[in-house]
C-alpha atoms as a PDB file:
ATOM      1  CA  MET A   1      12.107 -50.746 -95.057  1.00  0.00           C
ATOM      2  CA  ASP A   2       9.941 -48.431 -97.077  1.00  0.00           C
ATOM      3  CA  PRO A   3       5.989 -48.324 -97.027  1.00  0.00           C
ATOM      4  CA  ASN A   4       5.943 -50.868 -99.867  1.00  0.00           C
ATOM      5  CA  GLY A   5       7.901 -53.421 -97.946  1.00  0.00           C
ATOM      6  CA  ASP A   6      11.219 -52.999 -99.904  1.00  0.00           C
ATOM      7  CA  ARG A   7      14.465 -53.251 -98.109  1.00  0.00           C
ATOM      8  CA  ARG A   8      16.318 -50.058 -98.592  1.00  0.00           C
ATOM      9  CA  GLY A   9      20.234 -49.444 -98.450  1.00  0.00           C
ATOM     10  CA  ILE A  10      22.163 -47.387 -95.914  1.00  0.00           C
ATOM     11  CA  ARG A  11      22.241 -43.764 -96.900  1.00  0.00           C
ATOM     12  CA  TRP A  12      25.411 -41.835 -97.077  1.00  0.00           C
ATOM     13  CA  TYR A  13      24.535 -39.304 -94.332  1.00  0.00           C
ATOM     14  CA  GLU A  14      23.834 -42.385 -91.955  1.00  0.00           C
ATOM     15  CA  VAL A  15      27.465 -43.629 -92.560  1.00  0.00           C
ATOM     16  CA  ALA A  16      28.785 -40.033 -92.032  1.00  0.00           C
ATOM     17  CA  TYR A  17      26.857 -39.944 -88.711  1.00  0.00           C
ATOM     18  CA  VAL A  18      28.410 -43.172 -87.506  1.00  0.00           C
ATOM     19  CA  VAL A  19      31.883 -41.882 -88.520  1.00  0.00           C
ATOM     20  CA  VAL A  20      31.361 -38.596 -86.584  1.00  0.00           C
ATOM     21  CA  LEU A  21      30.248 -40.519 -83.593  1.00  0.00           C
ATOM     22  CA  LEU A  22      33.370 -42.681 -83.567  1.00  0.00           C
ATOM     23  CA  ALA A  23      35.619 -39.666 -84.157  1.00  0.00           C
ATOM     24  CA  VAL A  24      34.142 -37.934 -81.056  1.00  0.00           C
ATOM     25  CA  LEU A  25      34.616 -41.153 -79.041  1.00  0.00           C
ATOM     26  CA  LEU A  26      38.144 -41.502 -79.900  1.00  0.00           C
ATOM     27  CA  LEU A  27      38.744 -37.847 -79.308  1.00  0.00           C
ATOM     28  CA  GLY A  28      37.334 -38.200 -75.805  1.00  0.00           C
ATOM     29  CA  VAL A  29      39.286 -41.152 -75.015  1.00  0.00           C
ATOM     30  CA  PHE A  30      42.725 -40.262 -76.351  1.00  0.00           C
ATOM     31  CA  PHE A  31      42.742 -36.544 -76.403  1.00  0.00           C
ATOM     32  CA  MET A  32      40.372 -35.095 -73.977  1.00  0.00           C
ATOM     33  CA  ASN A  33      41.448 -37.733 -71.216  1.00  0.00           C
ATOM     34  CA  PRO A  34      45.072 -38.790 -72.023  1.00  0.00           C
ATOM     35  CA  HIS A  35      46.830 -41.404 -69.916  1.00  0.00           C
ATOM     36  CA  ARG A  36      49.419 -39.982 -67.422  1.00  0.00           C
ATOM     37  CA  VAL A  37      52.781 -41.593 -68.098  1.00  0.00           C
ATOM     38  CA  ALA A  38      55.555 -41.918 -65.481  1.00  0.00           C
ATOM     39  CA  VAL A  39      59.140 -42.916 -65.786  1.00  0.00           C
ATOM     40  CA  LEU A  40      61.296 -44.804 -63.274  1.00  0.00           C
ATOM     41  CA  ASP A  41      65.203 -45.164 -63.222  1.00  0.00           C
ATOM     42  CA  VAL A  42      65.361 -48.554 -61.705  1.00  0.00           C
ATOM     43  CA  ASP A  43      69.278 -48.571 -61.807  1.00  0.00           C
ATOM     44  CA  ARG A  44      69.250 -45.385 -59.685  1.00  0.00           C
ATOM     45  CA  VAL A  45      66.656 -46.932 -57.320  1.00  0.00           C
ATOM     46  CA  PHE A  46      68.963 -50.064 -57.058  1.00  0.00           C
ATOM     47  CA  LYS A  47      72.045 -47.734 -56.370  1.00  0.00           C
ATOM     48  CA  ASP A  48      70.269 -45.337 -54.008  1.00  0.00           C
ATOM     49  CA  LEU A  49      68.811 -48.279 -51.837  1.00  0.00           C
ATOM     50  CA  GLY A  50      72.539 -49.517 -51.260  1.00  0.00           C
ATOM     51  CA  MET A  51      72.051 -52.637 -53.312  1.00  0.00           C
ATOM     52  CA  VAL A  52      75.272 -52.140 -55.259  1.00  0.00           C
ATOM     53  CA  GLN A  53      77.274 -52.456 -52.043  1.00  0.00           C
ATOM     54  CA  ARG A  54      75.124 -55.394 -50.919  1.00  0.00           C
ATOM     55  CA  LEU A  55      75.735 -57.113 -54.234  1.00  0.00           C
ATOM     56  CA  ASP A  56      79.512 -56.562 -54.004  1.00  0.00           C
ATOM     57  CA  GLN A  57      79.717 -57.934 -50.377  1.00  0.00           C
ATOM     58  CA  ASP A  58      77.476 -60.911 -51.344  1.00  0.00           C
ATOM     59  CA  ARG A  59      79.727 -61.639 -54.335  1.00  0.00           C
ATOM     60  CA  GLN A  60      82.979 -61.665 -52.208  1.00  0.00           C
ATOM     61  CA  LYS A  61      81.311 -64.291 -49.785  1.00  0.00           C
ATOM     62  CA  LEU A  62      80.668 -66.780 -52.719  1.00  0.00           C
ATOM     63  CA  ASP A  63      82.911 -69.807 -53.012  1.00  0.00           C
ATOM     64  CA  VAL A  64      82.783 -69.553 -56.782  1.00  0.00           C
ATOM     65  CA  TYR A  65      84.048 -65.958 -56.438  1.00  0.00           C
ATOM     66  CA  GLN A  66      86.899 -66.920 -54.145  1.00  0.00           C
ATOM     67  CA  ARG A  67      88.047 -69.721 -56.531  1.00  0.00           C
ATOM     68  CA  GLY A  68      88.128 -67.253 -59.425  1.00  0.00           C
ATOM     69  CA  VAL A  69      90.140 -64.703 -57.352  1.00  0.00           C
ATOM     70  CA  ALA A  70      92.593 -67.602 -56.495  1.00  0.00           C
ATOM     71  CA  MET A  71      92.910 -68.644 -60.129  1.00  0.00           C
ATOM     72  CA  VAL A  72      93.660 -65.108 -61.268  1.00  0.00           C
ATOM     73  CA  ASP A  73      96.081 -64.533 -58.457  1.00  0.00           C
ATOM     74  CA  ALA A  74      97.978 -67.668 -59.268  1.00  0.00           C
ATOM     75  CA  TYR A  75      97.990 -66.661 -62.867  1.00  0.00           C
ATOM     76  CA  ASN A  76      99.485 -63.206 -62.187  1.00  0.00           C
ATOM     77  CA  VAL A  77     102.252 -64.749 -60.091  1.00  0.00           C
ATOM     78  CA  ARG A  78     103.132 -67.349 -62.903  1.00  0.00           C
ATOM     79  CA  MET A  79     103.013 -64.518 -65.615  1.00  0.00           C
ATOM     80  CA  ARG A  80     105.392 -62.254 -63.666  1.00  0.00           C
ATOM     81  CA  ALA A  81     107.810 -65.129 -63.182  1.00  0.00           C
ATOM     82  CA  LEU A  82     107.617 -65.856 -66.925  1.00  0.00           C
ATOM     83  CA  LYS A  83     108.022 -62.377 -67.873  1.00  0.00           C
ATOM     84  CA  SER A  84     110.993 -61.814 -65.653  1.00  0.00           C
ATOM     85  CA  LYS A  85     112.651 -65.013 -67.201  1.00  0.00           C
ATOM     86  CA  LEU A  86     111.721 -63.868 -70.646  1.00  0.00           C
ATOM     87  CA  GLU A  87     113.596 -60.543 -70.026  1.00  0.00           C
ATOM     88  CA  THR A  88     116.824 -62.381 -69.087  1.00  0.00           C
ATOM     89  CA  THR A  89     116.694 -65.205 -71.724  1.00  0.00           C
ATOM     90  CA  LYS A  90     119.227 -64.812 -74.505  1.00  0.00           C
ATOM     91  CA  THR A  91     118.410 -67.592 -77.002  1.00  0.00           C
ATOM     92  CA  GLU A  92     115.486 -67.292 -79.368  1.00  0.00           C
ATOM     93  CA  VAL A  93     114.475 -70.963 -78.762  1.00  0.00           C
ATOM     94  CA  GLU A  94     114.297 -70.406 -75.065  1.00  0.00           C
ATOM     95  CA  LYS A  95     112.219 -67.256 -75.666  1.00  0.00           C
ATOM     96  CA  GLU A  96     109.740 -68.981 -77.947  1.00  0.00           C
ATOM     97  CA  LYS A  97     109.408 -71.780 -75.161  1.00  0.00           C
ATOM     98  CA  ILE A  98     108.587 -69.155 -72.655  1.00  0.00           C
ATOM     99  CA  GLN A  99     106.233 -67.218 -74.786  1.00  0.00           C
ATOM    100  CA  SER A 100     104.430 -70.445 -75.627  1.00  0.00           C
ATOM    101  CA  GLN A 101     104.084 -71.211 -71.842  1.00  0.00           C
ATOM    102  CA  MET A 102     102.681 -67.644 -71.312  1.00  0.00           C
ATOM    103  CA  LYS A 103     100.105 -68.197 -74.137  1.00  0.00           C
ATOM    104  CA  SER A 104      99.242 -71.726 -72.687  1.00  0.00           C
ATOM    105  CA  ALA A 105      98.822 -70.114 -69.164  1.00  0.00           C
ATOM    106  CA  THR A 106      96.537 -67.472 -70.495  1.00  0.00           C
ATOM    107  CA  GLU A 107      94.354 -69.904 -72.464  1.00  0.00           C
ATOM    108  CA  THR A 108      93.988 -72.121 -69.352  1.00  0.00           C
ATOM    109  CA  VAL A 109      92.873 -69.443 -67.044  1.00  0.00           C
ATOM    110  CA  GLN A 110      90.461 -68.147 -69.547  1.00  0.00           C
ATOM    111  CA  GLN A 111      88.874 -71.398 -69.938  1.00  0.00           C
ATOM    112  CA  SER A 112      88.820 -71.786 -66.115  1.00  0.00           C
ATOM    113  CA  VAL A 113      87.439 -68.354 -65.235  1.00  0.00           C
ATOM    114  CA  ALA A 114      84.570 -68.359 -68.087  1.00  0.00           C
ATOM    115  CA  PRO A 115      82.288 -70.596 -66.182  1.00  0.00           C
ATOM    116  CA  ILE A 116      82.910 -68.830 -62.992  1.00  0.00           C
ATOM    117  CA  GLN A 117      82.010 -65.527 -64.592  1.00  0.00           C
ATOM    118  CA  SER A 118      78.821 -67.248 -65.935  1.00  0.00           C
ATOM    119  CA  GLN A 119      77.814 -68.345 -62.368  1.00  0.00           C
ATOM    120  CA  LEU A 120      78.543 -64.910 -61.070  1.00  0.00           C
ATOM    121  CA  GLN A 121      76.373 -63.329 -63.714  1.00  0.00           C
ATOM    122  CA  ALA A 122      73.577 -65.732 -62.962  1.00  0.00           C
ATOM    123  CA  ARG A 123      73.823 -64.779 -59.335  1.00  0.00           C
ATOM    124  CA  GLU A 124      73.703 -61.003 -60.193  1.00  0.00           C
ATOM    125  CA  THR A 125      70.617 -61.639 -62.573  1.00  0.00           C
ATOM    126  CA  ALA A 126      68.885 -63.488 -59.703  1.00  0.00           C
ATOM    127  CA  VAL A 127      69.562 -60.633 -57.313  1.00  0.00           C
ATOM    128  CA  MET A 128      68.092 -58.010 -59.754  1.00  0.00           C
ATOM    129  CA  SER A 129      65.164 -60.189 -60.545  1.00  0.00           C
ATOM    130  CA  THR A 130      64.355 -60.573 -56.852  1.00  0.00           C
ATOM    131  CA  PHE A 131      64.849 -56.901 -56.222  1.00  0.00           C
ATOM    132  CA  ARG A 132      62.527 -55.886 -59.162  1.00  0.00           C
ATOM    133  CA  ARG A 133      59.823 -58.262 -57.925  1.00  0.00           C
ATOM    134  CA  ARG A 134      59.878 -56.879 -54.406  1.00  0.00           C
ATOM    135  CA  LEU A 135      59.918 -53.416 -55.778  1.00  0.00           C
ATOM    136  CA  GLN A 136      56.833 -53.909 -58.001  1.00  0.00           C
ATOM    137  CA  PRO A 137      54.216 -53.366 -55.234  1.00  0.00           C
ATOM    138  CA  LEU A 138      55.998 -50.212 -54.146  1.00  0.00           C
ATOM    139  CA  ILE A 139      55.940 -48.985 -57.597  1.00  0.00           C
ATOM    140  CA  ALA A 140      52.211 -49.614 -57.920  1.00  0.00           C
ATOM    141  CA  LYS A 141      51.417 -47.855 -54.674  1.00  0.00           C
ATOM    142  CA  VAL A 142      53.525 -44.732 -55.675  1.00  0.00           C
ATOM    143  CA  ALA A 143      51.838 -44.792 -59.179  1.00  0.00           C
ATOM    144  CA  GLN A 144      48.395 -44.861 -57.691  1.00  0.00           C
ATOM    145  CA  LYS A 145      49.312 -42.178 -55.174  1.00  0.00           C
ATOM    146  CA  ARG A 146      50.653 -39.962 -58.035  1.00  0.00           C
ATOM    147  CA  ARG A 147      47.656 -40.804 -60.214  1.00  0.00           C
ATOM    148  CA  VAL A 148      49.582 -42.156 -63.145  1.00  0.00           C
ATOM    149  CA  ASP A 149      48.270 -44.643 -65.561  1.00  0.00           C
ATOM    150  CA  VAL A 150      51.425 -46.015 -67.211  1.00  0.00           C
ATOM    151  CA  VAL A 151      54.984 -46.466 -65.696  1.00  0.00           C
ATOM    152  CA  LEU A 152      57.930 -46.874 -68.115  1.00  0.00           C
ATOM    153  CA  PHE A 153      61.443 -47.817 -67.068  1.00  0.00           C
ATOM    154  CA  ALA A 154      63.912 -45.183 -68.061  1.00  0.00           C
ATOM    155  CA  SER A 155      66.152 -46.523 -70.651  1.00  0.00           C
ATOM    156  CA  PRO A 156      67.878 -45.486 -73.869  1.00  0.00           C
ATOM    157  CA  SER A 157      64.898 -46.867 -75.714  1.00  0.00           C
ATOM    158  CA  VAL A 158      62.577 -44.335 -74.039  1.00  0.00           C
ATOM    159  CA  VAL A 159      63.738 -41.077 -75.697  1.00  0.00           C
ATOM    160  CA  TYR A 160      60.732 -38.738 -75.227  1.00  0.00           C
ATOM    161  CA  VAL A 161      57.224 -38.902 -73.702  1.00  0.00           C
ATOM    162  CA  LYS A 162      55.153 -35.871 -73.485  1.00  0.00           C
ATOM    163  CA  SER A 163      54.225 -34.697 -69.896  1.00  0.00           C
ATOM    164  CA  THR A 164      55.973 -37.466 -67.931  1.00  0.00           C
ATOM    165  CA  VAL A 165      56.233 -37.822 -64.178  1.00  0.00           C
ATOM    166  CA  ASP A 166      59.409 -39.072 -62.730  1.00  0.00           C
ATOM    167  CA  LEU A 167      58.684 -41.531 -59.752  1.00  0.00           C
ATOM    168  CA  THR A 168      62.190 -42.422 -59.072  1.00  0.00           C
ATOM    169  CA  ASP A 169      62.622 -40.362 -55.866  1.00  0.00           C
ATOM    170  CA  ASP A 170      59.301 -41.447 -54.509  1.00  0.00           C
ATOM    171  CA  VAL A 171      60.080 -45.096 -55.173  1.00  0.00           C
ATOM    172  CA  VAL A 172      63.468 -44.778 -53.523  1.00  0.00           C
ATOM    173  CA  ALA A 173      61.760 -43.235 -50.459  1.00  0.00           C
ATOM    174  CA  ALA A 174      59.195 -46.130 -50.285  1.00  0.00           C
ATOM    175  CA  GLY A 175      62.026 -48.679 -50.739  1.00  0.00           C
ATOM    176  CA  LYS A 176      64.091 -47.267 -47.971  1.00  0.00           C
ATOM    177  CA  GLU A 177      61.079 -47.579 -45.602  1.00  0.00           C
ATOM    178  CA  PHE A 178      60.176 -51.130 -46.897  1.00  0.00           C
ATOM    179  CA  PHE A 179      63.653 -52.555 -46.810  1.00  0.00           C
ATOM    180  CA  ALA A 180      64.607 -50.980 -43.566  1.00  0.00           C
ATOM    181  CA  LYS A 181      61.888 -53.066 -41.851  1.00  0.00           C
ATOM    182  CA  LYS A 182      62.963 -56.352 -43.296  1.00  0.00           C
ATOM    183  CA  ASP A 183      66.205 -58.418 -43.233  1.00  0.00           C
ATOM    184  CA  LEU A 184      65.606 -60.017 -46.637  1.00  0.00           C
ATOM    185  CA  PRO A 185      68.090 -62.329 -48.531  1.00  0.00           C
ATOM    186  CA  LEU A 186      69.382 -60.963 -51.784  1.00  0.00           C
ATOM    187  CA  VAL A 187      68.097 -63.847 -53.654  1.00  0.00           C
ATOM    188  CA  ASP A 188      64.668 -65.412 -53.153  1.00  0.00           C
ATOM    189  CA  PRO A 189      64.131 -68.478 -55.501  1.00  0.00           C
ATOM    190  CA  ALA A 190      60.440 -68.251 -55.163  1.00  0.00           C
ATOM    191  CA  LEU A 191      60.717 -64.803 -56.880  1.00  0.00           C
ATOM    192  CA  THR A 192      63.360 -65.698 -59.407  1.00  0.00           C
ATOM    193  CA  GLY A 193      62.404 -69.176 -60.350  1.00  0.00           C
ATOM    194  CA  ASN A 194      66.095 -69.893 -60.346  1.00  0.00           C
ATOM    195  CA  PRO A 195      67.191 -72.135 -57.421  1.00  0.00           C
ATOM    196  CA  ALA A 196      70.485 -72.998 -59.186  1.00  0.00           C
ATOM    197  CA  ALA A 197      71.895 -69.528 -58.591  1.00  0.00           C
ATOM    198  CA  PRO A 198      75.212 -69.899 -56.487  1.00  0.00           C
ATOM    199  CA  ALA A 199      74.623 -69.733 -52.920  1.00  0.00           C
ATOM    200  CA  HIS A 200      76.926 -68.629 -50.026  1.00  0.00           C
ATOM    201  CA  LYS A 201      79.536 -70.944 -48.859  1.00  0.00           C
END
């Protein structure tokens, strides 16, 4: 307000001053003090901690897996018998009949195995979900120790990040120490929210 009591407008140099202050602030936040970014290869952590073998052993103990194996074995036996019969058949009518039986057997086993595969996939998803939830506190501790601000999962979608830190080896070491002290089930419904995952027989 000027001496005469009239309200004045904002002058151009005041606007420029504010713009300069904002620019300095942004420069300080994003360039002078950049966030340290780290990457983590969870698949390698899963493998290096022996989880692939544990998952395979767990799968073979499941009733649903054993039923699937029995179905496939029975299918293979039947197909071998039909193929052998097909090779010795002389008439076209008989050949068509056997080929029809082979097609029907294939369609039947595919329909029977599909829900089994879905259940096994659900089990695998629950195992991975449980593993990642258990791994999260270890990742946080390693990240704090290495003084990083952001941790990204290494994946095809992460092509390049400047000045990254790889936490994989440190997380594997922390995981070995953590899991060696505990006899934990592969799936914890409290961590996955999926109590319907197939259980052991």
